[in-house]
Amino acid sequence: MTTLSIKIDDTDKLDFENICKEIGLNITSAVTAFVKATIRENGIPFALKAKEPAFYSAENMKVLSESIAQDRAGNTVKHSLEEIME
């Protein structure tokens, strides 16, 4: 056995500890489970992703879909670039 020492934000530690308690684990057991899963998967056992670009957010996709539907239904006013730049 060996000791693993890490530094994390105090609030994150308390939140993590509370979640572990709710599922019947202590921090050591949860970290050990993570380590075992990482070894078994030969990598981090969950997807690591950057934040989704705002353009592709669900909210923006809904607005774009609604705008496309309005345009297809003929419920839009078309302007020239010159009009917009005035």
Protein backbone atom coordinates (compact mmCIF):
# COMPACT_ATOMS: atom_id res chain seq x y z
CA MET A 1 0.00 0.00 0.00
CA THR A 2 1.04 3.57 -0.66
CA THR A 3 -0.35 7.00 0.20
CA LEU A 4 -1.59 9.36 -2.50
CA SER A 5 -1.72 13.04 -1.59
CA ILE A 6 -3.67 15.53 -3.72
CA LYS A 7 -4.73 19.15 -3.39
CA ILE A 8 -8.25 20.23 -4.30
CA ASP A 9 -10.55 23.12 -3.50
CA ASP A 10 -12.11 22.86 0.00
CA THR A 11 -15.65 23.15 -1.34
CA ASP A 12 -15.03 20.49 -3.99
CA LYS A 13 -13.67 18.14 -1.31
CA LEU A 14 -16.74 18.61 0.88
CA ASP A 15 -19.13 18.17 -2.06
CA PHE A 16 -17.27 15.04 -3.19
CA GLU A 17 -17.21 13.64 0.35
CA ASN A 18 -20.97 14.21 0.75
CA ILE A 19 -21.72 12.45 -2.55
CA CYS A 20 -19.48 9.55 -1.54
CA LYS A 21 -21.29 9.25 1.81
CA GLU A 22 -24.68 9.18 0.06
CA ILE A 23 -23.59 6.18 -2.02
CA GLY A 24 -21.92 4.43 0.91
CA LEU A 25 -18.27 5.18 0.14
CA ASN A 26 -15.50 7.13 1.76
CA ILE A 27 -13.10 9.25 -0.31
CA THR A 28 -10.41 6.55 -0.29
CA SER A 29 -12.83 3.93 -1.64
CA ALA A 30 -14.11 6.31 -4.35
CA VAL A 31 -10.61 7.24 -5.50
CA THR A 32 -9.57 3.58 -5.45
CA ALA A 33 -12.60 2.74 -7.62
CA PHE A 34 -11.57 5.51 -10.04
CA VAL A 35 -8.00 4.18 -10.19
CA LYS A 36 -9.19 0.60 -10.80
CA ALA A 37 -11.60 1.76 -13.54
CA THR A 38 -8.81 3.79 -15.18
CA ILE A 39 -6.55 0.73 -15.21
CA ARG A 40 -9.33 -1.52 -16.51
CA GLU A 41 -10.27 0.94 -19.30
CA ASN A 42 -6.63 1.82 -20.03
CA GLY A 43 -7.65 5.49 -19.82
CA ILE A 44 -9.92 7.89 -17.99
CA PRO A 45 -13.24 6.02 -17.57
CA PHE A 46 -15.41 8.94 -18.74
CA ALA A 47 -15.37 11.46 -21.58
CA LEU A 48 -13.36 14.63 -21.09
CA LYS A 49 -14.76 17.42 -23.25
CA ALA A 50 -14.27 21.11 -23.68
CA LYS A 51 -17.32 23.28 -23.23
CA GLU A 52 -19.65 23.08 -26.23
CA PRO A 53 -19.27 26.11 -28.52
CA ALA A 54 -22.13 28.56 -27.91
CA PHE A 55 -23.24 28.36 -31.55
CA TYR A 56 -24.13 24.69 -31.12
CA SER A 57 -25.86 25.06 -27.76
CA ALA A 58 -29.35 23.59 -27.49
CA GLU A 59 -30.82 27.06 -26.91
CA ASN A 60 -29.18 28.51 -30.03
CA MET A 61 -30.13 25.49 -32.16
CA LYS A 62 -33.77 26.03 -31.10
CA VAL A 63 -33.66 29.72 -32.10
CA LEU A 64 -32.02 28.84 -35.44
CA SER A 65 -34.64 26.15 -36.16
CA GLU A 66 -37.46 28.58 -35.37
CA SER A 67 -35.89 31.22 -37.63
CA ILE A 68 -35.53 28.72 -40.48
CA ALA A 69 -39.17 27.66 -40.05
CA GLN A 70 -40.30 31.31 -40.14
CA ASP A 71 -38.28 31.92 -43.30
CA ARG A 72 -39.68 28.82 -45.02
CA ALA A 73 -43.21 29.91 -44.09
CA GLY A 74 -42.55 33.32 -45.67
CA ASN A 75 -42.77 35.14 -42.35
CA THR A 76 -39.56 37.13 -42.74
CA VAL A 77 -38.59 40.52 -44.12
CA LYS A 78 -35.57 40.53 -46.39
CA HIS A 79 -33.13 43.48 -46.24
CA SER A 80 -30.19 44.35 -48.41
CA LEU A 81 -26.75 44.77 -46.88
CA GLU A 82 -26.91 48.46 -47.80
CA GLU A 83 -30.07 48.88 -45.73
CA ILE A 84 -28.50 47.18 -42.73
CA MET A 85 -25.32 49.28 -42.91
CA GLU A 86 -27.24 52.62 -42.97
